[in-house]
Amino acid sequence: MTDQPIKRITLQIPFKNEEQAILVTEILNVDKELKGSGIHRNINFEDNSLLVTFEGVEYKKLRVSINAFLKNVLLIVKTFNTFAL
């Protein structure tokens, strides 16, 4: 049996400024991927962009993880807009 190759997906999400990118990074770094999910997530920022890399073997688990992550990003953006951050 051969090992499946690791799939890697990187997202770059721009924000209005570096402060927002830093804040989003700090908020999202609190929640780690579930143990046993087989997904590794790395969150950083560069200038005014959030950089997120997902790694895993199964496409389905990657998709589920990315969808959940993007829902959280959307909630944070809505909160920024509501409170004019």
C-alpha atoms as a PDB file:
ATOM      1  CA  MET A   1       0.000   0.000   0.000  1.00  0.00           C
ATOM      2  CA  THR A   2       1.412   3.380  -0.973  1.00  0.00           C
ATOM      3  CA  ASP A   3       0.995   6.537   1.056  1.00  0.00           C
ATOM      4  CA  GLN A   4      -1.256   9.148  -0.476  1.00  0.00           C
ATOM      5  CA  PRO A   5       0.442  12.434  -1.330  1.00  0.00           C
ATOM      6  CA  ILE A   6      -0.292  15.426   0.856  1.00  0.00           C
ATOM      7  CA  LYS A   7      -2.471  18.021  -0.826  1.00  0.00           C
ATOM      8  CA  ARG A   8      -1.753  21.670  -0.046  1.00  0.00           C
ATOM      9  CA  ILE A   9      -4.069  24.616  -0.595  1.00  0.00           C
ATOM     10  CA  THR A  10      -3.075  28.205   0.188  1.00  0.00           C
ATOM     11  CA  LEU A  11      -5.573  31.050   0.457  1.00  0.00           C
ATOM     12  CA  GLN A  12      -4.709  34.740   0.402  1.00  0.00           C
ATOM     13  CA  ILE A  13      -7.521  36.909   1.746  1.00  0.00           C
ATOM     14  CA  PRO A  14      -7.028  40.692   1.492  1.00  0.00           C
ATOM     15  CA  PHE A  15      -8.243  43.110   4.163  1.00  0.00           C
ATOM     16  CA  LYS A  16      -8.505  46.901   4.293  1.00  0.00           C
ATOM     17  CA  ASN A  17      -5.333  47.258   6.343  1.00  0.00           C
ATOM     18  CA  GLU A  18      -2.649  45.357   8.207  1.00  0.00           C
ATOM     19  CA  GLU A  19      -4.405  45.858  11.571  1.00  0.00           C
ATOM     20  CA  GLN A  20      -7.428  43.908  10.348  1.00  0.00           C
ATOM     21  CA  ALA A  21      -5.221  41.134   8.961  1.00  0.00           C
ATOM     22  CA  ILE A  22      -3.387  40.855  12.297  1.00  0.00           C
ATOM     23  CA  LEU A  23      -6.650  40.832  14.261  1.00  0.00           C
ATOM     24  CA  VAL A  24      -8.176  38.121  12.067  1.00  0.00           C
ATOM     25  CA  THR A  25      -4.995  36.045  12.401  1.00  0.00           C
ATOM     26  CA  GLU A  26      -5.134  36.311  16.200  1.00  0.00           C
ATOM     27  CA  ILE A  27      -8.838  35.464  16.323  1.00  0.00           C
ATOM     28  CA  LEU A  28      -8.586  32.432  14.054  1.00  0.00           C
ATOM     29  CA  ASN A  29      -5.378  31.040  15.578  1.00  0.00           C
ATOM     30  CA  VAL A  30      -7.307  30.316  18.785  1.00  0.00           C
ATOM     31  CA  ASP A  31      -9.297  27.514  17.137  1.00  0.00           C
ATOM     32  CA  LYS A  32      -7.141  24.581  16.096  1.00  0.00           C
ATOM     33  CA  GLU A  33      -8.174  21.828  13.710  1.00  0.00           C
ATOM     34  CA  LEU A  34      -9.829  18.863  15.409  1.00  0.00           C
ATOM     35  CA  LYS A  35      -7.542  16.019  16.416  1.00  0.00           C
ATOM     36  CA  GLY A  36      -7.849  13.140  14.018  1.00  0.00           C
ATOM     37  CA  SER A  37      -9.097  15.339  11.187  1.00  0.00           C
ATOM     38  CA  GLY A  38      -5.881  14.785   9.282  1.00  0.00           C
ATOM     39  CA  ILE A  39      -5.765  18.482   8.421  1.00  0.00           C
ATOM     40  CA  HIS A  40      -2.952  20.847   9.318  1.00  0.00           C
ATOM     41  CA  ARG A  41      -3.664  24.570   9.078  1.00  0.00           C
ATOM     42  CA  ASN A  42      -1.125  27.394   9.209  1.00  0.00           C
ATOM     43  CA  ILE A  43      -2.363  30.991   9.541  1.00  0.00           C
ATOM     44  CA  ASN A  44      -0.160  34.051   9.025  1.00  0.00           C
ATOM     45  CA  PHE A  45      -0.460  37.560   7.674  1.00  0.00           C
ATOM     46  CA  GLU A  46       1.575  39.546   5.199  1.00  0.00           C
ATOM     47  CA  ASP A  47       0.947  43.265   4.820  1.00  0.00           C
ATOM     48  CA  ASN A  48      -2.853  43.536   4.663  1.00  0.00           C
ATOM     49  CA  SER A  49      -3.519  39.910   3.664  1.00  0.00           C
ATOM     50  CA  LEU A  50      -4.353  36.807   5.632  1.00  0.00           C
ATOM     51  CA  LEU A  51      -2.367  33.795   4.395  1.00  0.00           C
ATOM     52  CA  VAL A  52      -3.748  30.366   5.234  1.00  0.00           C
ATOM     53  CA  THR A  53      -2.303  27.029   4.188  1.00  0.00           C
ATOM     54  CA  PHE A  54      -4.255  23.805   4.589  1.00  0.00           C
ATOM     55  CA  GLU A  55      -2.555  20.427   4.250  1.00  0.00           C
ATOM     56  CA  GLY A  56      -4.138  17.006   4.236  1.00  0.00           C
ATOM     57  CA  VAL A  57      -4.449  13.742   2.397  1.00  0.00           C
ATOM     58  CA  GLU A  58      -8.190  13.685   1.683  1.00  0.00           C
ATOM     59  CA  TYR A  59      -9.868  16.263  -0.542  1.00  0.00           C
ATOM     60  CA  LYS A  60     -13.178  15.918   1.308  1.00  0.00           C
ATOM     61  CA  LYS A  61     -11.622  16.762   4.683  1.00  0.00           C
ATOM     62  CA  LEU A  62      -9.771  19.686   3.125  1.00  0.00           C
ATOM     63  CA  ARG A  63     -13.002  21.006   1.613  1.00  0.00           C
ATOM     64  CA  VAL A  64     -14.909  20.710   4.898  1.00  0.00           C
ATOM     65  CA  SER A  65     -12.107  22.425   6.814  1.00  0.00           C
ATOM     66  CA  ILE A  66     -11.812  25.271   4.299  1.00  0.00           C
ATOM     67  CA  ASN A  67     -15.592  25.801   4.207  1.00  0.00           C
ATOM     68  CA  ALA A  68     -15.758  26.051   8.012  1.00  0.00           C
ATOM     69  CA  PHE A  69     -12.770  28.392   8.039  1.00  0.00           C
ATOM     70  CA  LEU A  70     -14.297  30.691   5.405  1.00  0.00           C
ATOM     71  CA  LYS A  71     -17.574  30.842   7.346  1.00  0.00           C
ATOM     72  CA  ASN A  72     -15.583  32.099  10.337  1.00  0.00           C
ATOM     73  CA  VAL A  73     -13.788  34.679   8.181  1.00  0.00           C
ATOM     74  CA  LEU A  74     -17.140  35.870   6.822  1.00  0.00           C
ATOM     75  CA  LEU A  75     -18.493  36.269  10.367  1.00  0.00           C
ATOM     76  CA  ILE A  76     -15.433  38.302  11.353  1.00  0.00           C
ATOM     77  CA  VAL A  77     -15.793  40.552   8.285  1.00  0.00           C
ATOM     78  CA  LYS A  78     -19.486  41.112   9.072  1.00  0.00           C
ATOM     79  CA  THR A  79     -18.492  42.019  12.635  1.00  0.00           C
ATOM     80  CA  PHE A  80     -15.893  44.493  11.326  1.00  0.00           C
ATOM     81  CA  ASN A  81     -18.564  46.102   9.146  1.00  0.00           C
ATOM     82  CA  THR A  82     -21.144  46.223  11.940  1.00  0.00           C
ATOM     83  CA  PHE A  83     -18.779  47.876  14.400  1.00  0.00           C
ATOM     84  CA  ALA A  84     -16.881  49.924  11.785  1.00  0.00           C
ATOM     85  CA  LEU A  85     -13.514  48.368  12.653  1.00  0.00           C
END
